[in-house]
Amino acid sequence: MLKVNEYFDGQVKSIGFQSESKPASVGVMEPGEYEFATAAAEVMVVVSGVLTVILPGESNWTSYKAGEQFHVGADQVFQVKIAQQSAYLCLYG
């Protein structure tokens, strides 16, 4: 079953689903700055555009473009800056 999520007054929208091996979501972010908290470990794959992030324990922004990915541990907080509408795939666990 699909689960539709909306965050930050509709600036971030995602659809959750069960992939072959683990829960996942695919979504789109409008330009802006966002802070996310994880419950489970996440692998974020950039599908389109660029996600510029500060990962836990880091002090510098790092940009990830389409085809690149980054990992965030469980129970962590990370920040994201988006300059243009961007899409992502998130795999949980």
PDB file of N, CA and C in Angstrom:
ATOM      1  N   MET A   1       0.844  -1.176   0.000  1.00  0.00           N
ATOM      2  CA  MET A   1       0.000   0.000   0.000  1.00  0.00           C
ATOM      3  C   MET A   1       0.894   1.246   0.000  1.00  0.00           C
ATOM      4  N   LEU A   2       0.509   2.230  -0.756  1.00  0.00           N
ATOM      5  CA  LEU A   2       1.261   3.481  -0.829  1.00  0.00           C
ATOM      6  C   LEU A   2       0.876   4.398   0.324  1.00  0.00           C
ATOM      7  N   LYS A   3       1.868   5.122   0.840  1.00  0.00           N
ATOM      8  CA  LYS A   3       1.613   6.100   1.894  1.00  0.00           C
ATOM      9  C   LYS A   3       2.141   7.446   1.418  1.00  0.00           C
ATOM     10  N   VAL A   4       1.253   8.430   1.313  1.00  0.00           N
ATOM     11  CA  VAL A   4       1.627   9.765   0.853  1.00  0.00           C
ATOM     12  C   VAL A   4       1.977  10.632   2.055  1.00  0.00           C
ATOM     13  N   ASN A   5       3.131  11.284   1.996  1.00  0.00           N
ATOM     14  CA  ASN A   5       3.589  12.163   3.077  1.00  0.00           C
ATOM     15  C   ASN A   5       3.845  13.554   2.528  1.00  0.00           C
ATOM     16  N   GLU A   6       3.592  14.549   3.364  1.00  0.00           N
ATOM     17  CA  GLU A   6       3.829  15.943   2.995  1.00  0.00           C
ATOM     18  C   GLU A   6       4.456  16.644   4.189  1.00  0.00           C
ATOM     19  N   TYR A   7       5.544  17.386   3.930  1.00  0.00           N
ATOM     20  CA  TYR A   7       6.295  18.070   4.983  1.00  0.00           C
ATOM     21  C   TYR A   7       6.528  19.531   4.606  1.00  0.00           C
ATOM     22  N   PHE A   8       6.838  20.331   5.601  1.00  0.00           N
ATOM     23  CA  PHE A   8       7.233  21.727   5.395  1.00  0.00           C
ATOM     24  C   PHE A   8       6.229  22.474   4.510  1.00  0.00           C
ATOM     25  N   ASP A   9       4.968  22.446   4.930  1.00  0.00           N
ATOM     26  CA  ASP A   9       3.897  23.156   4.224  1.00  0.00           C
ATOM     27  C   ASP A   9       3.815  22.778   2.747  1.00  0.00           C
ATOM     28  N   GLY A  10       4.027  21.494   2.454  1.00  0.00           N
ATOM     29  CA  GLY A  10       3.893  20.997   1.087  1.00  0.00           C
ATOM     30  C   GLY A  10       5.125  21.183   0.221  1.00  0.00           C
ATOM     31  N   GLN A  11       6.221  21.683   0.798  1.00  0.00           N
ATOM     32  CA  GLN A  11       7.444  21.900   0.016  1.00  0.00           C
ATOM     33  C   GLN A  11       8.211  20.598  -0.246  1.00  0.00           C
ATOM     34  N   VAL A  12       7.927  19.568   0.560  1.00  0.00           N
ATOM     35  CA  VAL A  12       8.524  18.246   0.379  1.00  0.00           C
ATOM     36  C   VAL A  12       7.378  17.233   0.396  1.00  0.00           C
ATOM     37  N   LYS A  13       7.319  16.408  -0.653  1.00  0.00           N
ATOM     38  CA  LYS A  13       6.280  15.385  -0.734  1.00  0.00           C
ATOM     39  C   LYS A  13       6.917  14.062  -1.107  1.00  0.00           C
ATOM     40  N   SER A  14       6.415  12.989  -0.488  1.00  0.00           N
ATOM     41  CA  SER A  14       6.961  11.672  -0.800  1.00  0.00           C
ATOM     42  C   SER A  14       5.849  10.630  -0.797  1.00  0.00           C
ATOM     43  N   ILE A  15       6.142   9.526  -1.458  1.00  0.00           N
ATOM     44  CA  ILE A  15       5.249   8.366  -1.470  1.00  0.00           C
ATOM     45  C   ILE A  15       6.037   7.187  -0.927  1.00  0.00           C
ATOM     46  N   GLY A  16       5.573   6.622   0.177  1.00  0.00           N
ATOM     47  CA  GLY A  16       6.225   5.467   0.782  1.00  0.00           C
ATOM     48  C   GLY A  16       5.695   4.175   0.171  1.00  0.00           C
ATOM     49  N   PHE A  17       6.583   3.182   0.064  1.00  0.00           N
ATOM     50  CA  PHE A  17       6.204   1.883  -0.489  1.00  0.00           C
ATOM     51  C   PHE A  17       7.155   0.826   0.047  1.00  0.00           C
ATOM     52  N   GLN A  18       6.844  -0.437  -0.218  1.00  0.00           N
ATOM     53  CA  GLN A  18       7.706  -1.549   0.179  1.00  0.00           C
ATOM     54  C   GLN A  18       8.490  -1.992  -1.043  1.00  0.00           C
ATOM     55  N   SER A  19       9.814  -1.791  -1.026  1.00  0.00           N
ATOM     56  CA  SER A  19      10.640  -2.248  -2.141  1.00  0.00           C
ATOM     57  C   SER A  19      10.842  -3.754  -2.009  1.00  0.00           C
ATOM     58  N   GLU A  20      11.644  -4.334  -2.881  1.00  0.00           N
ATOM     59  CA  GLU A  20      11.870  -5.773  -2.838  1.00  0.00           C
ATOM     60  C   GLU A  20      12.422  -6.237  -1.502  1.00  0.00           C
ATOM     61  N   SER A  21      13.246  -5.393  -0.878  1.00  0.00           N
ATOM     62  CA  SER A  21      13.929  -5.839   0.334  1.00  0.00           C
ATOM     63  C   SER A  21      13.649  -5.015   1.588  1.00  0.00           C
ATOM     64  N   LYS A  22      13.197  -3.765   1.429  1.00  0.00           N
ATOM     65  CA  LYS A  22      13.009  -2.929   2.612  1.00  0.00           C
ATOM     66  C   LYS A  22      12.054  -1.779   2.312  1.00  0.00           C
ATOM     67  N   PRO A  23      11.538  -1.128   3.353  1.00  0.00           N
ATOM     68  CA  PRO A  23      10.687   0.038   3.131  1.00  0.00           C
ATOM     69  C   PRO A  23      11.462   1.139   2.402  1.00  0.00           C
ATOM     70  N   ALA A  24      10.738   1.917   1.598  1.00  0.00           N
ATOM     71  CA  ALA A  24      11.360   2.978   0.813  1.00  0.00           C
ATOM     72  C   ALA A  24      10.362   4.094   0.595  1.00  0.00           C
ATOM     73  N   SER A  25      10.877   5.230   0.128  1.00  0.00           N
ATOM     74  CA  SER A  25      10.009   6.322  -0.311  1.00  0.00           C
ATOM     75  C   SER A  25      10.696   7.025  -1.468  1.00  0.00           C
ATOM     76  N   VAL A  26       9.897   7.623  -2.308  1.00  0.00           N
ATOM     77  CA  VAL A  26      10.404   8.428  -3.398  1.00  0.00           C
ATOM     78  C   VAL A  26       9.723   9.784  -3.271  1.00  0.00           C
ATOM     79  N   GLY A  27      10.480  10.857  -3.444  1.00  0.00           N
ATOM     80  CA  GLY A  27       9.883  12.162  -3.215  1.00  0.00           C
ATOM     81  C   GLY A  27      10.552  13.273  -3.989  1.00  0.00           C
ATOM     82  N   VAL A  28       9.962  14.463  -3.834  1.00  0.00           N
ATOM     83  CA  VAL A  28      10.445  15.670  -4.499  1.00  0.00           C
ATOM     84  C   VAL A  28      10.501  16.792  -3.469  1.00  0.00           C
ATOM     85  N   MET A  29      11.568  17.601  -3.553  1.00  0.00           N
ATOM     86  CA  MET A  29      11.739  18.768  -2.685  1.00  0.00           C
ATOM     87  C   MET A  29      11.778  20.024  -3.542  1.00  0.00           C
ATOM     88  N   GLU A  30      11.043  21.020  -3.101  1.00  0.00           N
ATOM     89  CA  GLU A  30      11.115  22.342  -3.719  1.00  0.00           C
ATOM     90  C   GLU A  30      12.353  23.067  -3.194  1.00  0.00           C
ATOM     91  N   PRO A  31      12.839  24.096  -3.876  1.00  0.00           N
ATOM     92  CA  PRO A  31      13.980  24.854  -3.367  1.00  0.00           C
ATOM     93  C   PRO A  31      13.717  25.352  -1.943  1.00  0.00           C
ATOM     94  N   GLY A  32      14.753  25.256  -1.096  1.00  0.00           N
ATOM     95  CA  GLY A  32      14.634  25.695   0.289  1.00  0.00           C
ATOM     96  C   GLY A  32      15.663  25.000   1.156  1.00  0.00           C
ATOM     97  N   GLU A  33      15.546  25.203   2.466  1.00  0.00           N
ATOM     98  CA  GLU A  33      16.411  24.549   3.442  1.00  0.00           C
ATOM     99  C   GLU A  33      15.537  23.784   4.412  1.00  0.00           C
ATOM    100  N   TYR A  34      15.952  22.540   4.717  1.00  0.00           N
ATOM    101  CA  TYR A  34      15.141  21.645   5.530  1.00  0.00           C
ATOM    102  C   TYR A  34      16.014  20.899   6.526  1.00  0.00           C
ATOM    103  N   GLU A  35      15.406  20.520   7.654  1.00  0.00           N
ATOM    104  CA  GLU A  35      16.078  19.672   8.627  1.00  0.00           C
ATOM    105  C   GLU A  35      15.232  18.427   8.823  1.00  0.00           C
ATOM    106  N   PHE A  36      15.865  17.265   8.684  1.00  0.00           N
ATOM    107  CA  PHE A  36      15.172  15.988   8.812  1.00  0.00           C
ATOM    108  C   PHE A  36      15.768  15.195   9.962  1.00  0.00           C
ATOM    109  N   ALA A  37      14.930  14.412  10.635  1.00  0.00           N
ATOM    110  CA  ALA A  37      15.368  13.493  11.682  1.00  0.00           C
ATOM    111  C   ALA A  37      15.034  12.074  11.217  1.00  0.00           C
ATOM    112  N   THR A  38      15.945  11.153  11.458  1.00  0.00           N
ATOM    113  CA  THR A  38      15.733   9.771  11.048  1.00  0.00           C
ATOM    114  C   THR A  38      15.283   8.933  12.227  1.00  0.00           C
ATOM    115  N   ALA A  39      14.446   7.950  11.966  1.00  0.00           N
ATOM    116  CA  ALA A  39      14.094   6.943  12.970  1.00  0.00           C
ATOM    117  C   ALA A  39      14.939   5.696  12.711  1.00  0.00           C
ATOM    118  N   ALA A  40      15.043   5.304  11.437  1.00  0.00           N
ATOM    119  CA  ALA A  40      15.866   4.175  11.008  1.00  0.00           C
ATOM    120  C   ALA A  40      17.013   4.720  10.160  1.00  0.00           C
ATOM    121  N   ALA A  41      18.015   3.890   9.940  1.00  0.00           N
ATOM    122  CA  ALA A  41      19.102   4.273   9.033  1.00  0.00           C
ATOM    123  C   ALA A  41      18.517   4.487   7.640  1.00  0.00           C
ATOM    124  N   GLU A  42      19.081   5.426   6.892  1.00  0.00           N
ATOM    125  CA  GLU A  42      18.571   5.744   5.555  1.00  0.00           C
ATOM    126  C   GLU A  42      19.710   5.810   4.548  1.00  0.00           C
ATOM    127  N   VAL A  43      19.425   5.346   3.352  1.00  0.00           N
ATOM    128  CA  VAL A  43      20.288   5.571   2.201  1.00  0.00           C
ATOM    129  C   VAL A  43      19.491   6.479   1.279  1.00  0.00           C
ATOM    130  N   MET A  44      20.012   7.660   1.015  1.00  0.00           N
ATOM    131  CA  MET A  44      19.346   8.630   0.146  1.00  0.00           C
ATOM    132  C   MET A  44      20.040   8.626  -1.210  1.00  0.00           C
ATOM    133  N   VAL A  45      19.278   8.327  -2.259  1.00  0.00           N
ATOM    134  CA  VAL A  45      19.783   8.306  -3.623  1.00  0.00           C
ATOM    135  C   VAL A  45      19.163   9.492  -4.362  1.00  0.00           C
ATOM    136  N   VAL A  46      19.989  10.348  -4.918  1.00  0.00           N
ATOM    137  CA  VAL A  46      19.483  11.498  -5.660  1.00  0.00           C
ATOM    138  C   VAL A  46      19.063  11.015  -7.042  1.00  0.00           C
ATOM    139  N   VAL A  47      17.811  11.281  -7.387  1.00  0.00           N
ATOM    140  CA  VAL A  47      17.256  10.856  -8.671  1.00  0.00           C
ATOM    141  C   VAL A  47      17.369  11.965  -9.705  1.00  0.00           C
ATOM    142  N   SER A  48      17.140  13.197  -9.277  1.00  0.00           N
ATOM    143  CA  SER A  48      17.176  14.349 -10.176  1.00  0.00           C
ATOM    144  C   SER A  48      17.551  15.580  -9.373  1.00  0.00           C
ATOM    145  N   GLY A  49      18.326  16.481  -9.968  1.00  0.00           N
ATOM    146  CA  GLY A  49      18.728  17.694  -9.268  1.00  0.00           C
ATOM    147  C   GLY A  49      19.926  17.460  -8.375  1.00  0.00           C
ATOM    148  N   VAL A  50      20.033  18.276  -7.330  1.00  0.00           N
ATOM    149  CA  VAL A  50      21.166  18.220  -6.399  1.00  0.00           C
ATOM    150  C   VAL A  50      20.652  18.396  -4.976  1.00  0.00           C
ATOM    151  N   LEU A  51      21.090  17.527  -4.059  1.00  0.00           N
ATOM    152  CA  LEU A  51      20.831  17.692  -2.632  1.00  0.00           C
ATOM    153  C   LEU A  51      22.147  18.093  -1.991  1.00  0.00           C
ATOM    154  N   THR A  52      22.172  19.230  -1.323  1.00  0.00           N
ATOM    155  CA  THR A  52      23.355  19.692  -0.608  1.00  0.00           C
ATOM    156  C   THR A  52      23.056  19.503   0.868  1.00  0.00           C
ATOM    157  N   VAL A  53      23.896  18.722   1.548  1.00  0.00           N
ATOM    158  CA  VAL A  53      23.579  18.295   2.913  1.00  0.00           C
ATOM    159  C   VAL A  53      24.732  18.521   3.878  1.00  0.00           C
ATOM    160  N   ILE A  54      24.369  18.639   5.152  1.00  0.00           N
ATOM    161  CA  ILE A  54      25.321  18.521   6.255  1.00  0.00           C
ATOM    162  C   ILE A  54      24.908  17.272   7.017  1.00  0.00           C
ATOM    163  N   LEU A  55      25.761  16.263   6.971  1.00  0.00           N
ATOM    164  CA  LEU A  55      25.489  14.997   7.647  1.00  0.00           C
ATOM    165  C   LEU A  55      25.893  15.081   9.110  1.00  0.00           C
ATOM    166  N   PRO A  56      25.340  14.225   9.958  1.00  0.00           N
ATOM    167  CA  PRO A  56      25.704  14.224  11.376  1.00  0.00           C
ATOM    168  C   PRO A  56      27.220  14.098  11.552  1.00  0.00           C
ATOM    169  N   GLY A  57      27.775  14.931  12.421  1.00  0.00           N
ATOM    170  CA  GLY A  57      29.194  14.909  12.706  1.00  0.00           C
ATOM    171  C   GLY A  57      30.042  15.685  11.709  1.00  0.00           C
ATOM    172  N   GLU A  58      29.432  16.210  10.668  1.00  0.00           N
ATOM    173  CA  GLU A  58      30.155  16.984   9.658  1.00  0.00           C
ATOM    174  C   GLU A  58      29.913  18.474   9.907  1.00  0.00           C
ATOM    175  N   SER A  59      30.811  19.321   9.408  1.00  0.00           N
ATOM    176  CA  SER A  59      30.624  20.762   9.560  1.00  0.00           C
ATOM    177  C   SER A  59      30.521  21.477   8.218  1.00  0.00           C
ATOM    178  N   ASN A  60      30.761  20.755   7.125  1.00  0.00           N
ATOM    179  CA  ASN A  60      30.705  21.353   5.794  1.00  0.00           C
ATOM    180  C   ASN A  60      29.556  20.784   4.979  1.00  0.00           C
ATOM    181  N   TRP A  61      29.015  21.610   4.100  1.00  0.00           N
ATOM    182  CA  TRP A  61      27.984  21.188   3.171  1.00  0.00           C
ATOM    183  C   TRP A  61      28.637  20.344   2.068  1.00  0.00           C
ATOM    184  N   THR A  62      27.968  19.258   1.665  1.00  0.00           N
ATOM    185  CA  THR A  62      28.421  18.408   0.561  1.00  0.00           C
ATOM    186  C   THR A  62      27.263  18.250  -0.413  1.00  0.00           C
ATOM    187  N   SER A  63      27.540  18.408  -1.703  1.00  0.00           N
ATOM    188  CA  SER A  63      26.504  18.289  -2.725  1.00  0.00           C
ATOM    189  C   SER A  63      26.525  16.909  -3.360  1.00  0.00           C
ATOM    190  N   TYR A  64      25.329  16.342  -3.526  1.00  0.00           N
ATOM    191  CA  TYR A  64      25.144  15.051  -4.183  1.00  0.00           C
ATOM    192  C   TYR A  64      24.223  15.276  -5.370  1.00  0.00           C
ATOM    193  N   LYS A  65      24.657  14.829  -6.555  1.00  0.00           N
ATOM    194  CA  LYS A  65      23.865  15.026  -7.762  1.00  0.00           C
ATOM    195  C   LYS A  65      23.225  13.705  -8.185  1.00  0.00           C
ATOM    196  N   ALA A  66      22.419  13.760  -9.222  1.00  0.00           N
ATOM    197  CA  ALA A  66      21.691  12.587  -9.702  1.00  0.00           C
ATOM    198  C   ALA A  66      22.628  11.392  -9.856  1.00  0.00           C
ATOM    199  N   GLY A  67      22.214  10.265  -9.300  1.00  0.00           N
ATOM    200  CA  GLY A  67      22.996   9.042  -9.356  1.00  0.00           C
ATOM    201  C   GLY A  67      23.896   8.829  -8.155  1.00  0.00           C
ATOM    202  N   GLU A  68      24.075   9.855  -7.326  1.00  0.00           N
ATOM    203  CA  GLU A  68      24.911   9.727  -6.133  1.00  0.00           C
ATOM    204  C   GLU A  68      24.044   9.471  -4.907  1.00  0.00           C
ATOM    205  N   GLN A  69      24.662   8.967  -3.854  1.00  0.00           N
ATOM    206  CA  GLN A  69      23.915   8.653  -2.635  1.00  0.00           C
ATOM    207  C   GLN A  69      24.721   8.990  -1.394  1.00  0.00           C
ATOM    208  N   PHE A  70      23.987   9.104  -0.272  1.00  0.00           N
ATOM    209  CA  PHE A  70      24.628   9.291   1.021  1.00  0.00           C
ATOM    210  C   PHE A  70      23.849   8.511   2.060  1.00  0.00           C
ATOM    211  N   HIS A  71      24.515   8.228   3.191  1.00  0.00           N
ATOM    212  CA  HIS A  71      23.934   7.427   4.261  1.00  0.00           C
ATOM    213  C   HIS A  71      23.763   8.281   5.509  1.00  0.00           C
ATOM    214  N   VAL A  72      22.657   8.034   6.221  1.00  0.00           N
ATOM    215  CA  VAL A  72      22.404   8.697   7.500  1.00  0.00           C
ATOM    216  C   VAL A  72      22.006   7.604   8.484  1.00  0.00           C
ATOM    217  N   GLY A  73      22.651   7.581   9.644  1.00  0.00           N
ATOM    218  CA  GLY A  73      22.340   6.573  10.655  1.00  0.00           C
ATOM    219  C   GLY A  73      20.987   6.807  11.310  1.00  0.00           C
ATOM    220  N   ALA A  74      20.539   5.810  12.068  1.00  0.00           N
ATOM    221  CA  ALA A  74      19.283   5.902  12.806  1.00  0.00           C
ATOM    222  C   ALA A  74      19.381   6.958  13.895  1.00  0.00           C
ATOM    223  N   ASP A  75      18.274   7.594  14.193  1.00  0.00           N
ATOM    224  CA  ASP A  75      18.173   8.588  15.269  1.00  0.00           C
ATOM    225  C   ASP A  75      19.169   9.729  15.100  1.00  0.00           C
ATOM    226  N   GLN A  76      19.290  10.227  13.872  1.00  0.00           N
ATOM    227  CA  GLN A  76      20.194  11.319  13.541  1.00  0.00           C
ATOM    228  C   GLN A  76      19.402  12.482  12.943  1.00  0.00           C
ATOM    229  N   VAL A  77      20.015  13.643  12.922  1.00  0.00           N
ATOM    230  CA  VAL A  77      19.433  14.828  12.303  1.00  0.00           C
ATOM    231  C   VAL A  77      20.397  15.305  11.228  1.00  0.00           C
ATOM    232  N   PHE A  78      19.849  15.655  10.057  1.00  0.00           N
ATOM    233  CA  PHE A  78      20.686  16.199   8.992  1.00  0.00           C
ATOM    234  C   PHE A  78      19.957  17.328   8.297  1.00  0.00           C
ATOM    235  N   GLN A  79      20.732  18.216   7.673  1.00  0.00           N
ATOM    236  CA  GLN A  79      20.163  19.385   7.012  1.00  0.00           C
ATOM    237  C   GLN A  79      20.364  19.280   5.507  1.00  0.00           C
ATOM    238  N   VAL A  80      19.388  19.805   4.773  1.00  0.00           N
ATOM    239  CA  VAL A  80      19.406  19.744   3.315  1.00  0.00           C
ATOM    240  C   VAL A  80      19.102  21.127   2.754  1.00  0.00           C
ATOM    241  N   LYS A  81      19.870  21.534   1.735  1.00  0.00           N
ATOM    242  CA  LYS A  81      19.595  22.751   0.966  1.00  0.00           C
ATOM    243  C   LYS A  81      19.313  22.331  -0.467  1.00  0.00           C
ATOM    244  N   ILE A  82      18.270  22.906  -1.033  1.00  0.00           N
ATOM    245  CA  ILE A  82      17.883  22.600  -2.404  1.00  0.00           C
ATOM    246  C   ILE A  82      17.834  23.910  -3.184  1.00  0.00           C
ATOM    247  N   ALA A  83      18.577  23.997  -4.294  1.00  0.00           N
ATOM    248  CA  ALA A  83      18.566  25.199  -5.129  1.00  0.00           C
ATOM    249  C   ALA A  83      17.556  25.106  -6.260  1.00  0.00           C
ATOM    250  N   GLN A  84      17.256  23.867  -6.686  1.00  0.00           N
ATOM    251  CA  GLN A  84      16.267  23.643  -7.745  1.00  0.00           C
ATOM    252  C   GLN A  84      15.452  22.419  -7.349  1.00  0.00           C
ATOM    253  N   GLN A  85      14.264  22.311  -7.865  1.00  0.00           N
ATOM    254  CA  GLN A  85      13.422  21.161  -7.557  1.00  0.00           C
ATOM    255  C   GLN A  85      14.234  19.886  -7.767  1.00  0.00           C
ATOM    256  N   SER A  86      14.240  19.003  -6.768  1.00  0.00           N
ATOM    257  CA  SER A  86      15.067  17.793  -6.807  1.00  0.00           C
ATOM    258  C   SER A  86      14.279  16.593  -6.310  1.00  0.00           C
ATOM    259  N   ALA A  87      14.613  15.410  -6.855  1.00  0.00           N
ATOM    260  CA  ALA A  87      13.918  14.176  -6.482  1.00  0.00           C
ATOM    261  C   ALA A  87      14.898  13.193  -5.848  1.00  0.00           C
ATOM    262  N   TYR A  88      14.356  12.326  -4.999  1.00  0.00           N
ATOM    263  CA  TYR A  88      15.190  11.359  -4.287  1.00  0.00           C
ATOM    264  C   TYR A  88      14.468  10.041  -4.087  1.00  0.00           C
ATOM    265  N   LEU A  89      15.248   9.002  -3.838  1.00  0.00           N
ATOM    266  CA  LEU A  89      14.763   7.694  -3.398  1.00  0.00           C
ATOM    267  C   LEU A  89      15.413   7.458  -2.047  1.00  0.00           C
ATOM    268  N   CYS A  90      14.619   7.110  -1.060  1.00  0.00           N
ATOM    269  CA  CYS A  90      15.134   6.845   0.291  1.00  0.00           C
ATOM    270  C   CYS A  90      14.844   5.388   0.643  1.00  0.00           C
ATOM    271  N   LEU A  91      15.883   4.646   1.004  1.00  0.00           N
ATOM    272  CA  LEU A  91      15.745   3.255   1.462  1.00  0.00           C
ATOM    273  C   LEU A  91      15.990   3.230   2.959  1.00  0.00           C
ATOM    274  N   TYR A  92      15.071   2.627   3.714  1.00  0.00           N
ATOM    275  CA  TYR A  92      15.131   2.625   5.166  1.00  0.00           C
ATOM    276  C   TYR A  92      15.643   1.293   5.710  1.00  0.00           C
ATOM    277  N   GLY A  93      16.426   1.390   6.787  1.00  0.00           N
ATOM    278  CA  GLY A  93      16.836   0.184   7.499  1.00  0.00           C
ATOM    279  C   GLY A  93      18.169  -0.344   7.116  1.00  0.00           C
TER     280      GLY A  93
END
